[in-house]
Amino acid sequence: MQSFHKRYELPNEGNKVLGEVMMAGHIRRYGGRMRDYRYLGAHALVLILDGSGTYEDEHGRFAVLQPGDVICINPEVGHLYGTEGGGLWEEFYLVFNGPVFDLLREKNLWGEMVWLLHVESAKDCKKSFESMIESYREVPLLMVTELQRLLLKMLFEQQDMSRALNSPPALRKSLALLANTHRTVTQIARDSGMGYENFRKRFKQEYGISPHQYRQKQLYIKAMHMLLGARETVQEIAHQLGFEDEYYFSRFFKKASGKSPSHYRRAHESVTGKKRSCK
């Protein structure tokens, strides 16, 4: 297999008010791990397609990388990654910047410096990003909003591997239960073999937030993703997310985002010109 570096054609100018996708590419090489820290000054996403290697940065973070791993690096972080020796390394990358992506960070939806996720199919994930580039090459603003939607989808469906990988199995299981079920924290604590207070204390020690805060964070991510991508009405989304009615959902969403669900959806439609046909 030959080495190559494919660069995708992107719009000449993005929308600096909201954001822009600045670079995208597909690299296959043998060896060639970075030797010095790289500073991009923009957000970067790297999807590992083949080979194995390591990631490290100037803040002492280190991770072993395998196919399916996704690294997202914030603008100011000096980092390096790749494979040692002459081993195969294949990656797909995106470099992007702007307020819509900064907002996800400000709302604490991803790590302060870097976050590491794992997808089940690296090939399917790459196809999603390539489809985004192909579909919206002539409409930069739609490309930005589609990338935001894909990132939200990944955040909701995957857990933060940089913390979860080394967690006790019972706590790892609780992450999925908190994010994907309507069971109470007390019930989840019992399933984890702990009393409520012990579970809450251990969870916060491990992940830095309480079980309730984690659930609210995951619920907010899913709500944003559904409002951007779903055809359902706000009332139907509220019901699917387990809220008693649309009023309580609207209060929850406005407290988290500063906008009501309807306002958030209309704002998205106004900048993209794309309205959703609801059932």
Protein backbone atom coordinates (compact mmCIF):
# COMPACT_ATOMS: atom_id res chain seq x y z
CA MET A 1 0.00 0.00 0.00
CA GLN A 2 1.42 3.36 -1.04
CA SER A 3 1.64 6.44 1.14
CA PHE A 4 -0.53 9.41 0.20
CA HIS A 5 -2.03 12.64 1.50
CA LYS A 6 -5.42 13.53 0.02
CA ARG A 7 -6.66 17.07 0.72
CA TYR A 8 -10.39 17.69 0.28
CA GLU A 9 -11.61 20.71 -1.63
CA LEU A 10 -13.28 23.14 0.74
CA PRO A 11 -14.96 26.56 0.34
CA ASN A 12 -12.52 29.44 -0.12
CA GLU A 13 -14.22 31.41 2.62
CA GLY A 14 -16.19 30.24 5.61
CA ASN A 15 -18.54 32.17 7.85
CA LYS A 16 -16.34 33.70 10.53
CA VAL A 17 -19.39 34.88 12.47
CA LEU A 18 -20.43 31.28 13.16
CA GLY A 19 -17.48 29.15 12.12
CA GLU A 20 -15.64 27.50 9.26
CA VAL A 21 -14.15 24.17 8.25
CA MET A 22 -10.61 25.14 7.33
CA MET A 23 -8.93 21.88 6.29
CA ALA A 24 -9.80 18.24 5.71
CA GLY A 25 -7.62 15.38 4.59
CA HIS A 26 -6.87 11.65 4.46
CA ILE A 27 -3.31 10.50 5.17
CA ARG A 28 -1.70 7.10 4.85
CA ARG A 29 1.99 6.73 5.63
CA TYR A 30 4.55 4.44 7.18
CA GLY A 31 6.15 5.83 10.32
CA GLY A 32 6.59 9.54 10.65
CA ARG A 33 5.48 10.32 14.20
CA MET A 34 5.69 14.03 15.01
CA ARG A 35 8.84 15.01 16.88
CA ASP A 36 7.84 18.46 18.13
CA TYR A 37 4.61 19.78 19.62
CA ARG A 38 2.26 21.22 17.02
CA TYR A 39 0.03 24.24 17.68
CA LEU A 40 -2.82 24.64 15.18
CA GLY A 41 -4.62 27.67 16.62
CA ALA A 42 -7.91 25.93 15.71
CA HIS A 43 -9.96 22.91 16.74
CA ALA A 44 -8.76 19.63 15.21
CA LEU A 45 -10.42 16.24 14.88
CA VAL A 46 -8.35 13.17 14.01
CA LEU A 47 -9.99 9.81 13.22
CA ILE A 48 -7.62 6.83 13.31
CA LEU A 49 -8.39 4.54 10.34
CA ASP A 50 -5.56 2.01 10.50
CA GLY A 51 -2.40 1.29 12.47
CA SER A 52 -1.65 1.98 16.11
CA GLY A 53 0.31 4.69 17.87
CA THR A 54 0.25 7.19 20.71
CA TYR A 55 -0.94 10.70 21.51
CA GLU A 56 0.73 13.07 23.95
CA ASP A 57 0.61 16.79 24.67
CA GLU A 58 2.41 19.48 26.61
CA HIS A 59 0.11 19.04 29.61
CA GLY A 60 1.24 15.44 30.17
CA ARG A 61 -1.78 13.70 28.67
CA PHE A 62 -0.96 10.39 27.02
CA ALA A 63 -3.09 7.82 25.20
CA VAL A 64 -2.53 4.68 23.14
CA LEU A 65 -4.39 5.01 19.82
CA GLN A 66 -6.11 2.27 17.82
CA PRO A 67 -8.36 2.26 14.72
CA GLY A 68 -11.70 3.85 15.57
CA ASP A 69 -10.26 6.28 18.10
CA VAL A 70 -11.16 9.95 17.58
CA ILE A 71 -9.04 12.73 19.08
CA CYS A 72 -10.44 16.26 19.30
CA ILE A 73 -7.85 18.86 20.27
CA ASN A 74 -8.55 22.43 21.34
CA PRO A 75 -6.75 25.32 19.64
CA GLU A 76 -4.10 26.22 22.20
CA VAL A 77 -2.86 22.71 23.01
CA GLY A 78 0.60 21.69 21.82
CA HIS A 79 0.40 18.04 20.81
CA LEU A 80 1.99 15.24 18.83
CA TYR A 81 0.81 11.82 17.72
CA GLY A 82 1.52 8.99 15.29
CA THR A 83 3.24 5.62 15.13
CA GLU A 84 6.78 4.70 16.03
CA GLY A 85 9.23 3.12 13.62
CA GLY A 86 7.96 2.22 10.16
CA GLY A 87 4.48 1.04 11.11
CA LEU A 88 1.38 1.86 9.07
CA TRP A 89 -0.54 4.98 10.09
CA GLU A 90 -3.78 6.09 8.43
CA GLU A 91 -5.96 8.99 9.56
CA PHE A 92 -8.75 11.31 8.46
CA TYR A 93 -8.59 14.84 9.86
CA LEU A 94 -10.64 18.03 10.07
CA VAL A 95 -9.50 21.47 11.22
CA PHE A 96 -12.28 23.90 12.12
CA ASN A 97 -12.88 27.03 14.16
CA GLY A 98 -15.49 29.56 15.17
CA PRO A 99 -18.05 30.55 17.81
CA VAL A 100 -20.41 27.59 17.28
CA PHE A 101 -17.59 25.20 18.19
CA ASP A 102 -16.29 27.39 21.01
CA LEU A 103 -19.81 27.32 22.48
CA LEU A 104 -19.70 23.53 22.87
CA ARG A 105 -16.53 23.95 24.88
CA GLU A 106 -17.88 26.85 26.94
CA LYS A 107 -20.91 24.73 27.87
CA ASN A 108 -18.46 22.06 29.12
CA LEU A 109 -19.65 19.52 26.56
CA TRP A 110 -16.12 18.36 25.87
CA GLY A 111 -12.79 18.42 27.65
CA GLU A 112 -10.96 21.60 28.51
CA MET A 113 -7.92 20.57 26.47
CA VAL A 114 -8.58 17.35 24.56
CA TRP A 115 -11.12 14.55 24.39
CA LEU A 116 -10.79 11.02 23.12
CA LEU A 117 -13.71 8.96 21.84
CA HIS A 118 -14.04 5.62 20.11
CA VAL A 119 -16.41 4.83 17.23
CA GLU A 120 -17.56 1.35 16.28
CA SER A 121 -16.81 1.78 12.57
CA ALA A 122 -14.03 4.15 11.54
CA LYS A 123 -15.00 3.60 7.88
CA ASP A 124 -18.63 4.68 8.46
CA CYS A 125 -17.51 7.68 10.51
CA LYS A 126 -15.19 8.79 7.70
CA LYS A 127 -18.03 8.39 5.18
CA SER A 128 -20.23 10.69 7.29
CA PHE A 129 -17.61 13.43 7.24
CA GLU A 130 -16.93 12.94 3.51
CA SER A 131 -20.66 13.14 2.81
CA MET A 132 -20.79 16.40 4.77
CA ILE A 133 -17.95 17.84 2.66
CA GLU A 134 -19.47 16.69 -0.63
CA SER A 135 -23.02 17.80 0.16
CA TYR A 136 -22.21 21.25 1.50
CA ARG A 137 -19.04 22.24 -0.37
CA GLU A 138 -20.90 25.12 -2.04
CA VAL A 139 -22.72 26.18 1.13
CA PRO A 140 -20.08 26.72 3.86
CA LEU A 141 -22.64 27.62 6.51
CA LEU A 142 -24.46 24.32 6.10
CA MET A 143 -21.16 22.48 6.37
CA VAL A 144 -20.52 24.18 9.72
CA THR A 145 -23.95 23.33 11.11
CA GLU A 146 -23.70 19.73 9.86
CA LEU A 147 -20.30 19.33 11.53
CA GLN A 148 -21.77 20.71 14.75
CA ARG A 149 -24.58 18.13 14.50
CA LEU A 150 -22.15 15.26 13.88
CA LEU A 151 -20.02 16.32 16.85
CA LEU A 152 -23.09 16.45 19.10
CA LYS A 153 -24.12 13.00 17.88
CA MET A 154 -20.67 11.61 18.71
CA LEU A 155 -20.68 13.26 22.13
CA PHE A 156 -24.03 11.76 22.99
CA GLU A 157 -23.41 8.26 21.64
CA GLN A 158 -19.89 7.88 22.99
CA GLN A 159 -18.47 8.34 26.45
CA ASP A 160 -15.34 10.32 27.25
CA MET A 161 -12.76 7.53 26.96
CA SER A 162 -9.97 9.57 28.56
CA ARG A 163 -11.71 9.07 31.91
CA ALA A 164 -13.96 6.08 31.38
CA LEU A 165 -11.36 3.55 30.22
CA ASN A 166 -9.73 3.19 33.63
CA SER A 167 -12.90 3.50 35.70
CA PRO A 168 -14.24 0.60 37.81
CA PRO A 169 -16.66 -1.53 35.73
CA ALA A 170 -19.66 -0.63 37.91
CA LEU A 171 -19.07 3.09 37.37
CA ARG A 172 -18.49 2.61 33.62
CA LYS A 173 -21.85 0.84 33.39
CA SER A 174 -23.52 3.66 35.31
CA LEU A 175 -22.46 6.17 32.62
CA ALA A 176 -24.60 4.42 30.02
CA LEU A 177 -27.52 3.99 32.43
CA LEU A 178 -27.49 7.67 33.37
CA ALA A 179 -27.30 8.78 29.74
CA ASN A 180 -29.72 6.35 28.14
CA THR A 181 -32.38 5.39 30.69
CA HIS A 182 -34.91 7.15 32.92
CA ARG A 183 -33.96 5.12 36.00
CA THR A 184 -33.35 7.14 39.14
CA VAL A 185 -29.86 7.70 40.49
CA THR A 186 -30.85 5.67 43.57
CA GLN A 187 -31.82 2.71 41.36
CA ILE A 188 -28.57 2.97 39.38
CA ALA A 189 -26.55 3.16 42.60
CA ARG A 190 -28.27 -0.01 43.82
CA ASP A 191 -27.50 -1.77 40.52
CA SER A 192 -23.87 -0.73 40.97
CA GLY A 193 -23.80 -2.42 44.38
CA MET A 194 -23.57 0.83 46.35
CA GLY A 195 -25.72 3.04 48.50
CA TYR A 196 -26.75 6.39 47.07
CA GLU A 197 -24.27 8.56 49.01
CA ASN A 198 -21.33 6.24 48.39
CA PHE A 199 -22.19 6.04 44.68
CA ARG A 200 -22.54 9.81 44.36
CA LYS A 201 -19.23 10.42 46.14
CA ARG A 202 -17.30 7.84 44.09
CA PHE A 203 -18.83 9.03 40.83
CA LYS A 204 -17.84 12.64 41.49
CA GLN A 205 -14.32 11.60 42.50
CA GLU A 206 -13.95 9.64 39.25
CA TYR A 207 -15.55 12.03 36.76
CA GLY A 208 -15.46 15.44 38.41
CA ILE A 209 -19.24 15.98 38.39
CA SER A 210 -22.19 14.44 40.23
CA PRO A 211 -24.38 11.72 38.64
CA HIS A 212 -27.21 14.25 38.32
CA GLN A 213 -24.96 16.80 36.59
CA TYR A 214 -23.66 14.12 34.21
CA ARG A 215 -27.23 13.09 33.31
CA GLN A 216 -28.23 16.72 32.70
CA LYS A 217 -25.18 17.25 30.50
CA GLN A 218 -25.97 14.16 28.39
CA LEU A 219 -29.64 15.15 28.16
CA TYR A 220 -28.68 18.63 26.93
CA ILE A 221 -26.37 17.16 24.27
CA LYS A 222 -29.10 14.82 23.05
CA ALA A 223 -31.68 17.63 23.03
CA MET A 224 -29.45 19.85 20.86
CA HIS A 225 -28.77 16.98 18.48
CA MET A 226 -32.47 16.16 18.13
CA LEU A 227 -33.47 19.79 17.60
CA LEU A 228 -30.87 20.15 14.83
CA GLY A 229 -31.47 16.84 13.11
CA ALA A 230 -34.88 15.40 14.03
CA ARG A 231 -38.20 15.88 12.26
CA GLU A 232 -40.24 15.67 15.45
CA THR A 233 -41.96 18.65 17.06
CA VAL A 234 -40.56 20.14 20.27
CA GLN A 235 -43.42 18.46 22.16
CA GLU A 236 -42.52 15.06 20.71
CA ILE A 237 -38.84 15.55 21.51
CA ALA A 238 -39.75 16.50 25.09
CA HIS A 239 -41.73 13.27 25.42
CA GLN A 240 -38.92 11.13 23.96
CA LEU A 241 -36.45 12.66 26.41
CA GLY A 242 -38.67 11.79 29.35
CA PHE A 243 -40.04 15.23 30.26
CA GLU A 244 -43.53 15.50 31.68
CA ASP A 245 -44.49 18.07 29.06
CA GLU A 246 -43.07 20.67 26.67
CA TYR A 247 -43.08 23.38 29.36
CA TYR A 248 -40.63 21.55 31.64
CA PHE A 249 -38.43 20.66 28.67
CA SER A 250 -38.36 24.30 27.56
CA ARG A 251 -37.39 25.44 31.06
CA PHE A 252 -34.58 22.87 31.18
CA PHE A 253 -33.24 23.75 27.73
CA LYS A 254 -33.40 27.51 28.24
CA LYS A 255 -31.55 27.24 31.54
CA ALA A 256 -28.76 25.30 29.82
CA SER A 257 -28.50 27.23 26.55
CA GLY A 258 -30.08 30.62 27.16
CA LYS A 259 -32.62 29.93 24.39
CA SER A 260 -35.93 28.09 24.27
CA PRO A 261 -35.97 24.92 22.11
CA SER A 262 -38.13 26.67 19.50
CA HIS A 263 -35.83 29.69 19.43
CA TYR A 264 -32.77 27.45 19.15
CA ARG A 265 -34.31 25.55 16.21
CA ARG A 266 -35.51 28.73 14.47
CA ALA A 267 -32.08 30.33 14.85
CA HIS A 268 -30.55 27.28 13.15
CA GLU A 269 -33.12 27.42 10.36
CA SER A 270 -32.65 31.16 9.84
CA VAL A 271 -28.90 30.90 9.22
CA THR A 272 -29.11 27.76 7.08
CA GLY A 273 -32.33 28.56 5.25
CA LYS A 274 -33.32 24.95 5.83
CA LYS A 275 -36.64 24.28 7.54
CA ARG A 276 -37.63 20.91 8.93
CA SER A 277 -40.90 19.30 8.00
CA CYS A 278 -42.31 18.07 11.30
CA LYS A 279 -44.72 15.19 11.60
